[in-house]
Amino acid sequence: PKKDKMMKPRYQDLQANKIPIAENDG
């Protein structure tokens, strides 16, 4: 959004084992 276009750059690095996973009925 316009209000955030000039915000300070940042990263969110997410390793595979930190990504939530759910399973149900195939």
PDB file of all heavy atoms in Angstrom:
ATOM      1  N   PRO A   1       0.837  -1.207   0.000  1.00  0.00           N
ATOM      2  CA  PRO A   1       0.000   0.000   0.000  1.00  0.00           C
ATOM      3  C   PRO A   1       0.867   1.251   0.000  1.00  0.00           C
ATOM      4  O   PRO A   1       2.041   1.218   0.400  1.00  0.00           O
ATOM      5  CB  PRO A   1      -0.804  -0.129   1.291  1.00  0.00           C
ATOM      6  CG  PRO A   1      -0.003  -1.038   2.159  1.00  0.00           C
ATOM      7  CD  PRO A   1       0.710  -1.981   1.241  1.00  0.00           C
ATOM      8  N   LYS A   2       0.295   2.328  -0.447  1.00  0.00           N
ATOM      9  CA  LYS A   2       1.024   3.599  -0.562  1.00  0.00           C
ATOM     10  C   LYS A   2       1.776   3.946   0.726  1.00  0.00           C
ATOM     11  O   LYS A   2       2.930   4.380   0.684  1.00  0.00           O
ATOM     12  CB  LYS A   2       0.044   4.723  -0.921  1.00  0.00           C
ATOM     13  CG  LYS A   2       0.680   6.084  -1.105  1.00  0.00           C
ATOM     14  CD  LYS A   2      -0.352   7.135  -1.490  1.00  0.00           C
ATOM     15  CE  LYS A   2       0.263   8.515  -1.652  1.00  0.00           C
ATOM     16  NZ  LYS A   2       1.286   8.562  -2.712  1.00  0.00           N
ATOM     17  N   LYS A   3       1.147   3.710   1.864  1.00  0.00           N
ATOM     18  CA  LYS A   3       1.754   4.080   3.142  1.00  0.00           C
ATOM     19  C   LYS A   3       3.020   3.275   3.465  1.00  0.00           C
ATOM     20  O   LYS A   3       3.827   3.688   4.301  1.00  0.00           O
ATOM     21  CB  LYS A   3       0.735   3.921   4.269  1.00  0.00           C
ATOM     22  CG  LYS A   3       0.291   2.495   4.519  1.00  0.00           C
ATOM     23  CD  LYS A   3      -0.756   2.430   5.616  1.00  0.00           C
ATOM     24  CE  LYS A   3      -1.242   1.001   5.854  1.00  0.00           C
ATOM     25  NZ  LYS A   3      -0.172   0.113   6.327  1.00  0.00           N
ATOM     26  N   ASP A   4       3.180   2.116   2.808  1.00  0.00           N
ATOM     27  CA  ASP A   4       4.320   1.247   3.112  1.00  0.00           C
ATOM     28  C   ASP A   4       5.367   1.197   2.011  1.00  0.00           C
ATOM     29  O   ASP A   4       6.393   0.521   2.166  1.00  0.00           O
ATOM     30  CB  ASP A   4       3.832  -0.182   3.372  1.00  0.00           C
ATOM     31  CG  ASP A   4       3.045  -0.313   4.662  1.00  0.00           C
ATOM     32  OD1 ASP A   4       3.268   0.498   5.577  1.00  0.00           O
ATOM     33  OD2 ASP A   4       2.213  -1.234   4.762  1.00  0.00           O
ATOM     34  N   LYS A   5       5.139   1.881   0.901  1.00  0.00           N
ATOM     35  CA  LYS A   5       6.034   1.721  -0.249  1.00  0.00           C
ATOM     36  C   LYS A   5       7.468   2.174   0.040  1.00  0.00           C
ATOM     37  O   LYS A   5       8.405   1.652  -0.562  1.00  0.00           O
ATOM     38  CB  LYS A   5       5.470   2.451  -1.476  1.00  0.00           C
ATOM     39  CG  LYS A   5       4.344   1.666  -2.141  1.00  0.00           C
ATOM     40  CD  LYS A   5       4.001   2.230  -3.500  1.00  0.00           C
ATOM     41  CE  LYS A   5       2.943   1.385  -4.192  1.00  0.00           C
ATOM     42  NZ  LYS A   5       3.448   0.028  -4.525  1.00  0.00           N
ATOM     43  N   MET A   6       7.630   3.117   0.945  1.00  0.00           N
ATOM     44  CA  MET A   6       8.981   3.599   1.244  1.00  0.00           C
ATOM     45  C   MET A   6       9.454   3.163   2.632  1.00  0.00           C
ATOM     46  O   MET A   6      10.335   3.779   3.216  1.00  0.00           O
ATOM     47  CB  MET A   6       9.016   5.121   1.100  1.00  0.00           C
ATOM     48  CG  MET A   6       8.789   5.615  -0.321  1.00  0.00           C
ATOM     49  SD  MET A   6      10.037   5.022  -1.504  1.00  0.00           S
ATOM     50  CE  MET A   6      11.452   6.017  -0.983  1.00  0.00           C
ATOM     51  N   MET A   7       8.877   2.064   3.126  1.00  0.00           N
ATOM     52  CA  MET A   7       9.313   1.554   4.427  1.00  0.00           C
ATOM     53  C   MET A   7      10.710   0.932   4.313  1.00  0.00           C
ATOM     54  O   MET A   7      11.201   0.641   3.212  1.00  0.00           O
ATOM     55  CB  MET A   7       8.317   0.507   4.943  1.00  0.00           C
ATOM     56  CG  MET A   7       8.286  -0.794   4.157  1.00  0.00           C
ATOM     57  SD  MET A   7       7.128  -2.010   4.850  1.00  0.00           S
ATOM     58  CE  MET A   7       8.052  -2.529   6.298  1.00  0.00           C
ATOM     59  N   LYS A   8      11.335   0.719   5.434  1.00  0.00           N
ATOM     60  CA  LYS A   8      12.658   0.106   5.456  1.00  0.00           C
ATOM     61  C   LYS A   8      12.555  -1.335   4.972  1.00  0.00           C
ATOM     62  O   LYS A   8      11.673  -2.080   5.399  1.00  0.00           O
ATOM     63  CB  LYS A   8      13.225   0.138   6.878  1.00  0.00           C
ATOM     64  CG  LYS A   8      14.631  -0.411   6.984  1.00  0.00           C
ATOM     65  CD  LYS A   8      15.143  -0.322   8.418  1.00  0.00           C
ATOM     66  CE  LYS A   8      16.547  -0.904   8.529  1.00  0.00           C
ATOM     67  NZ  LYS A   8      17.061  -0.831   9.927  1.00  0.00           N
ATOM     68  N   PRO A   9      13.458  -1.754   4.092  1.00  0.00           N
ATOM     69  CA  PRO A   9      13.426  -3.148   3.619  1.00  0.00           C
ATOM     70  C   PRO A   9      13.590  -4.138   4.770  1.00  0.00           C
ATOM     71  O   PRO A   9      14.272  -3.853   5.763  1.00  0.00           O
ATOM     72  CB  PRO A   9      14.618  -3.221   2.659  1.00  0.00           C
ATOM     73  CG  PRO A   9      14.832  -1.814   2.209  1.00  0.00           C
ATOM     74  CD  PRO A   9      14.486  -0.958   3.395  1.00  0.00           C
ATOM     75  N   ARG A  10      12.958  -5.307   4.626  1.00  0.00           N
ATOM     76  CA  ARG A  10      13.097  -6.337   5.650  1.00  0.00           C
ATOM     77  C   ARG A  10      12.892  -7.726   5.025  1.00  0.00           C
ATOM     78  O   ARG A  10      12.339  -7.861   3.932  1.00  0.00           O
ATOM     79  CB  ARG A  10      12.120  -6.142   6.798  1.00  0.00           C
ATOM     80  CG  ARG A  10      10.672  -6.461   6.464  1.00  0.00           C
ATOM     81  CD  ARG A  10       9.844  -6.606   7.735  1.00  0.00           C
ATOM     82  NE  ARG A  10       8.493  -7.059   7.435  1.00  0.00           N
ATOM     83  CZ  ARG A  10       7.635  -7.499   8.347  1.00  0.00           C
ATOM     84  NH1 ARG A  10       7.988  -7.541   9.616  1.00  0.00           N
ATOM     85  NH2 ARG A  10       6.426  -7.899   8.007  1.00  0.00           N
ATOM     86  N   TYR A  11      13.357  -8.761   5.739  1.00  0.00           N
ATOM     87  CA  TYR A  11      13.225 -10.148   5.299  1.00  0.00           C
ATOM     88  C   TYR A  11      12.503 -10.956   6.362  1.00  0.00           C
ATOM     89  O   TYR A  11      12.657 -10.719   7.562  1.00  0.00           O
ATOM     90  CB  TYR A  11      14.596 -10.792   5.090  1.00  0.00           C
ATOM     91  CG  TYR A  11      15.346 -10.308   3.888  1.00  0.00           C
ATOM     92  CD1 TYR A  11      16.180  -9.202   3.950  1.00  0.00           C
ATOM     93  CD2 TYR A  11      15.226 -10.967   2.665  1.00  0.00           C
ATOM     94  CE1 TYR A  11      16.880  -8.759   2.853  1.00  0.00           C
ATOM     95  CE2 TYR A  11      15.927 -10.536   1.554  1.00  0.00           C
ATOM     96  CZ  TYR A  11      16.750  -9.432   1.657  1.00  0.00           C
ATOM     97  OH  TYR A  11      17.436  -8.995   0.556  1.00  0.00           O
ATOM     98  N   GLN A  12      11.746 -11.934   5.896  1.00  0.00           N
ATOM     99  CA  GLN A  12      11.269 -13.009   6.747  1.00  0.00           C
ATOM    100  C   GLN A  12      11.691 -14.316   6.066  1.00  0.00           C
ATOM    101  O   GLN A  12      11.164 -14.667   5.017  1.00  0.00           O
ATOM    102  CB  GLN A  12       9.756 -12.962   6.925  1.00  0.00           C
ATOM    103  CG  GLN A  12       9.275 -11.716   7.662  1.00  0.00           C
ATOM    104  CD  GLN A  12       7.775 -11.684   7.813  1.00  0.00           C
ATOM    105  OE1 GLN A  12       7.199 -12.289   8.706  1.00  0.00           O
ATOM    106  NE2 GLN A  12       7.122 -10.957   6.924  1.00  0.00           N
ATOM    107  N   ASP A  13      12.685 -14.981   6.631  1.00  0.00           N
ATOM    108  CA  ASP A  13      13.185 -16.240   6.090  1.00  0.00           C
ATOM    109  C   ASP A  13      12.566 -17.390   6.869  1.00  0.00           C
ATOM    110  O   ASP A  13      12.704 -17.455   8.105  1.00  0.00           O
ATOM    111  CB  ASP A  13      14.711 -16.300   6.179  1.00  0.00           C
ATOM    112  CG  ASP A  13      15.378 -15.304   5.244  1.00  0.00           C
ATOM    113  OD1 ASP A  13      14.993 -15.263   4.072  1.00  0.00           O
ATOM    114  OD2 ASP A  13      16.275 -14.569   5.702  1.00  0.00           O
ATOM    115  N   LEU A  14      11.879 -18.268   6.169  1.00  0.00           N
ATOM    116  CA  LEU A  14      11.147 -19.342   6.819  1.00  0.00           C
ATOM    117  C   LEU A  14      11.650 -20.690   6.305  1.00  0.00           C
ATOM    118  O   LEU A  14      11.495 -21.008   5.125  1.00  0.00           O
ATOM    119  CB  LEU A  14       9.647 -19.190   6.524  1.00  0.00           C
ATOM    120  CG  LEU A  14       8.695 -20.107   7.280  1.00  0.00           C
ATOM    121  CD1 LEU A  14       8.816 -19.878   8.789  1.00  0.00           C
ATOM    122  CD2 LEU A  14       7.268 -19.866   6.827  1.00  0.00           C
ATOM    123  N   GLN A  15      12.281 -21.459   7.188  1.00  0.00           N
ATOM    124  CA  GLN A  15      12.762 -22.782   6.811  1.00  0.00           C
ATOM    125  C   GLN A  15      11.596 -23.751   6.681  1.00  0.00           C
ATOM    126  O   GLN A  15      10.556 -23.606   7.328  1.00  0.00           O
ATOM    127  CB  GLN A  15      13.773 -23.283   7.835  1.00  0.00           C
ATOM    128  CG  GLN A  15      15.050 -22.465   7.875  1.00  0.00           C
ATOM    129  CD  GLN A  15      16.042 -22.991   8.900  1.00  0.00           C
ATOM    130  OE1 GLN A  15      15.673 -23.723   9.812  1.00  0.00           O
ATOM    131  NE2 GLN A  15      17.303 -22.617   8.738  1.00  0.00           N
ATOM    132  N   ALA A  16      11.808 -24.765   5.845  1.00  0.00           N
ATOM    133  CA  ALA A  16      10.740 -25.709   5.528  1.00  0.00           C
ATOM    134  C   ALA A  16      10.114 -26.325   6.775  1.00  0.00           C
ATOM    135  O   ALA A  16       8.887 -26.481   6.854  1.00  0.00           O
ATOM    136  CB  ALA A  16      11.275 -26.802   4.603  1.00  0.00           C
ATOM    137  N   ASN A  17      10.947 -26.663   7.770  1.00  0.00           N
ATOM    138  CA  ASN A  17      10.414 -27.336   8.954  1.00  0.00           C
ATOM    139  C   ASN A  17       9.649 -26.409   9.887  1.00  0.00           C
ATOM    140  O   ASN A  17       9.089 -26.860  10.897  1.00  0.00           O
ATOM    141  CB  ASN A  17      11.529 -28.066   9.715  1.00  0.00           C
ATOM    142  CG  ASN A  17      12.617 -27.130  10.221  1.00  0.00           C
ATOM    143  OD1 ASN A  17      12.528 -25.910  10.078  1.00  0.00           O
ATOM    144  ND2 ASN A  17      13.665 -27.698  10.799  1.00  0.00           N
ATOM    145  N   LYS A  18       9.610 -25.111   9.574  1.00  0.00           N
ATOM    146  CA  LYS A  18       8.854 -24.149  10.375  1.00  0.00           C
ATOM    147  C   LYS A  18       7.502 -23.804   9.742  1.00  0.00           C
ATOM    148  O   LYS A  18       6.721 -23.056  10.328  1.00  0.00           O
ATOM    149  CB  LYS A  18       9.670 -22.866  10.564  1.00  0.00           C
ATOM    150  CG  LYS A  18      11.026 -23.061  11.244  1.00  0.00           C
ATOM    151  CD  LYS A  18      10.878 -23.585  12.663  1.00  0.00           C
ATOM    152  CE  LYS A  18      12.238 -23.656  13.343  1.00  0.00           C
ATOM    153  NZ  LYS A  18      12.128 -24.223  14.716  1.00  0.00           N
ATOM    154  N   ILE A  19       7.250 -24.313   8.531  1.00  0.00           N
ATOM    155  CA  ILE A  19       5.994 -24.015   7.851  1.00  0.00           C
ATOM    156  C   ILE A  19       4.925 -24.992   8.345  1.00  0.00           C
ATOM    157  O   ILE A  19       5.092 -26.212   8.224  1.00  0.00           O
ATOM    158  CB  ILE A  19       6.147 -24.129   6.326  1.00  0.00           C
ATOM    159  CG1 ILE A  19       7.194 -23.128   5.821  1.00  0.00           C
ATOM    160  CG2 ILE A  19       4.810 -23.891   5.630  1.00  0.00           C
ATOM    161  CD1 ILE A  19       7.502 -23.259   4.341  1.00  0.00           C
ATOM    162  N   PRO A  20       3.822 -24.489   8.914  1.00  0.00           N
ATOM    163  CA  PRO A  20       2.769 -25.384   9.406  1.00  0.00           C
ATOM    164  C   PRO A  20       2.175 -26.229   8.278  1.00  0.00           C
ATOM    165  O   PRO A  20       2.015 -25.764   7.152  1.00  0.00           O
ATOM    166  CB  PRO A  20       1.718 -24.421   9.974  1.00  0.00           C
ATOM    167  CG  PRO A  20       2.466 -23.155  10.252  1.00  0.00           C
ATOM    168  CD  PRO A  20       3.519 -23.072   9.197  1.00  0.00           C
ATOM    169  N   ILE A  21       1.872 -27.466   8.604  1.00  0.00           N
ATOM    170  CA  ILE A  21       1.260 -28.407   7.667  1.00  0.00           C
ATOM    171  C   ILE A  21       0.060 -29.057   8.337  1.00  0.00           C
ATOM    172  O   ILE A  21       0.114 -29.410   9.525  1.00  0.00           O
ATOM    173  CB  ILE A  21       2.266 -29.493   7.222  1.00  0.00           C
ATOM    174  CG1 ILE A  21       3.422 -28.862   6.431  1.00  0.00           C
ATOM    175  CG2 ILE A  21       1.586 -30.571   6.388  1.00  0.00           C
ATOM    176  CD1 ILE A  21       4.526 -29.847   6.068  1.00  0.00           C
ATOM    177  N   ALA A  22      -1.031 -29.218   7.590  1.00  0.00           N
ATOM    178  CA  ALA A  22      -2.207 -29.929   8.083  1.00  0.00           C
ATOM    179  C   ALA A  22      -2.610 -30.981   7.062  1.00  0.00           C
ATOM    180  O   ALA A  22      -2.413 -30.801   5.858  1.00  0.00           O
ATOM    181  CB  ALA A  22      -3.360 -28.955   8.335  1.00  0.00           C
ATOM    182  N   GLU A  23      -3.179 -32.087   7.549  1.00  0.00           N
ATOM    183  CA  GLU A  23      -3.624 -33.164   6.666  1.00  0.00           C
ATOM    184  C   GLU A  23      -4.967 -33.687   7.136  1.00  0.00           C
ATOM    185  O   GLU A  23      -5.223 -33.778   8.342  1.00  0.00           O
ATOM    186  CB  GLU A  23      -2.607 -34.306   6.647  1.00  0.00           C
ATOM    187  CG  GLU A  23      -1.252 -33.936   6.075  1.00  0.00           C
ATOM    188  CD  GLU A  23      -0.330 -35.148   5.933  1.00  0.00           C
ATOM    189  OE1 GLU A  23      -0.710 -36.077   5.193  1.00  0.00           O
ATOM    190  OE2 GLU A  23       0.740 -35.131   6.559  1.00  0.00           O
ATOM    191  N   ASN A  24      -5.821 -34.063   6.167  1.00  0.00           N
ATOM    192  CA  ASN A  24      -7.129 -34.615   6.501  1.00  0.00           C
ATOM    193  C   ASN A  24      -7.774 -35.207   5.257  1.00  0.00           C
ATOM    194  O   ASN A  24      -7.869 -34.541   4.223  1.00  0.00           O
ATOM    195  CB  ASN A  24      -8.040 -33.519   7.082  1.00  0.00           C
ATOM    196  CG  ASN A  24      -9.343 -34.072   7.618  1.00  0.00           C
ATOM    197  OD1 ASN A  24      -9.397 -35.180   8.125  1.00  0.00           O
ATOM    198  ND2 ASN A  24     -10.402 -33.297   7.483  1.00  0.00           N
ATOM    199  N   ASP A  25      -8.195 -36.445   5.321  1.00  0.00           N
ATOM    200  CA  ASP A  25      -8.990 -37.091   4.272  1.00  0.00           C
ATOM    201  C   ASP A  25      -8.401 -36.921   2.872  1.00  0.00           C
ATOM    202  O   ASP A  25      -9.086 -36.516   1.931  1.00  0.00           O
ATOM    203  CB  ASP A  25     -10.423 -36.545   4.286  1.00  0.00           C
ATOM    204  CG  ASP A  25     -11.178 -36.932   5.547  1.00  0.00           C
ATOM    205  OD1 ASP A  25     -10.765 -37.907   6.209  1.00  0.00           O
ATOM    206  OD2 ASP A  25     -12.165 -36.257   5.870  1.00  0.00           O
ATOM    207  N   GLY A  26      -7.112 -37.237   2.722  1.00  0.00           N
ATOM    208  CA  GLY A  26      -6.489 -37.176   1.409  1.00  0.00           C
ATOM    209  C   GLY A  26      -6.056 -35.801   0.971  1.00  0.00           C
ATOM    210  O   GLY A  26      -5.651 -35.603  -0.180  1.00  0.00           O
TER     211      GLY A  26
END
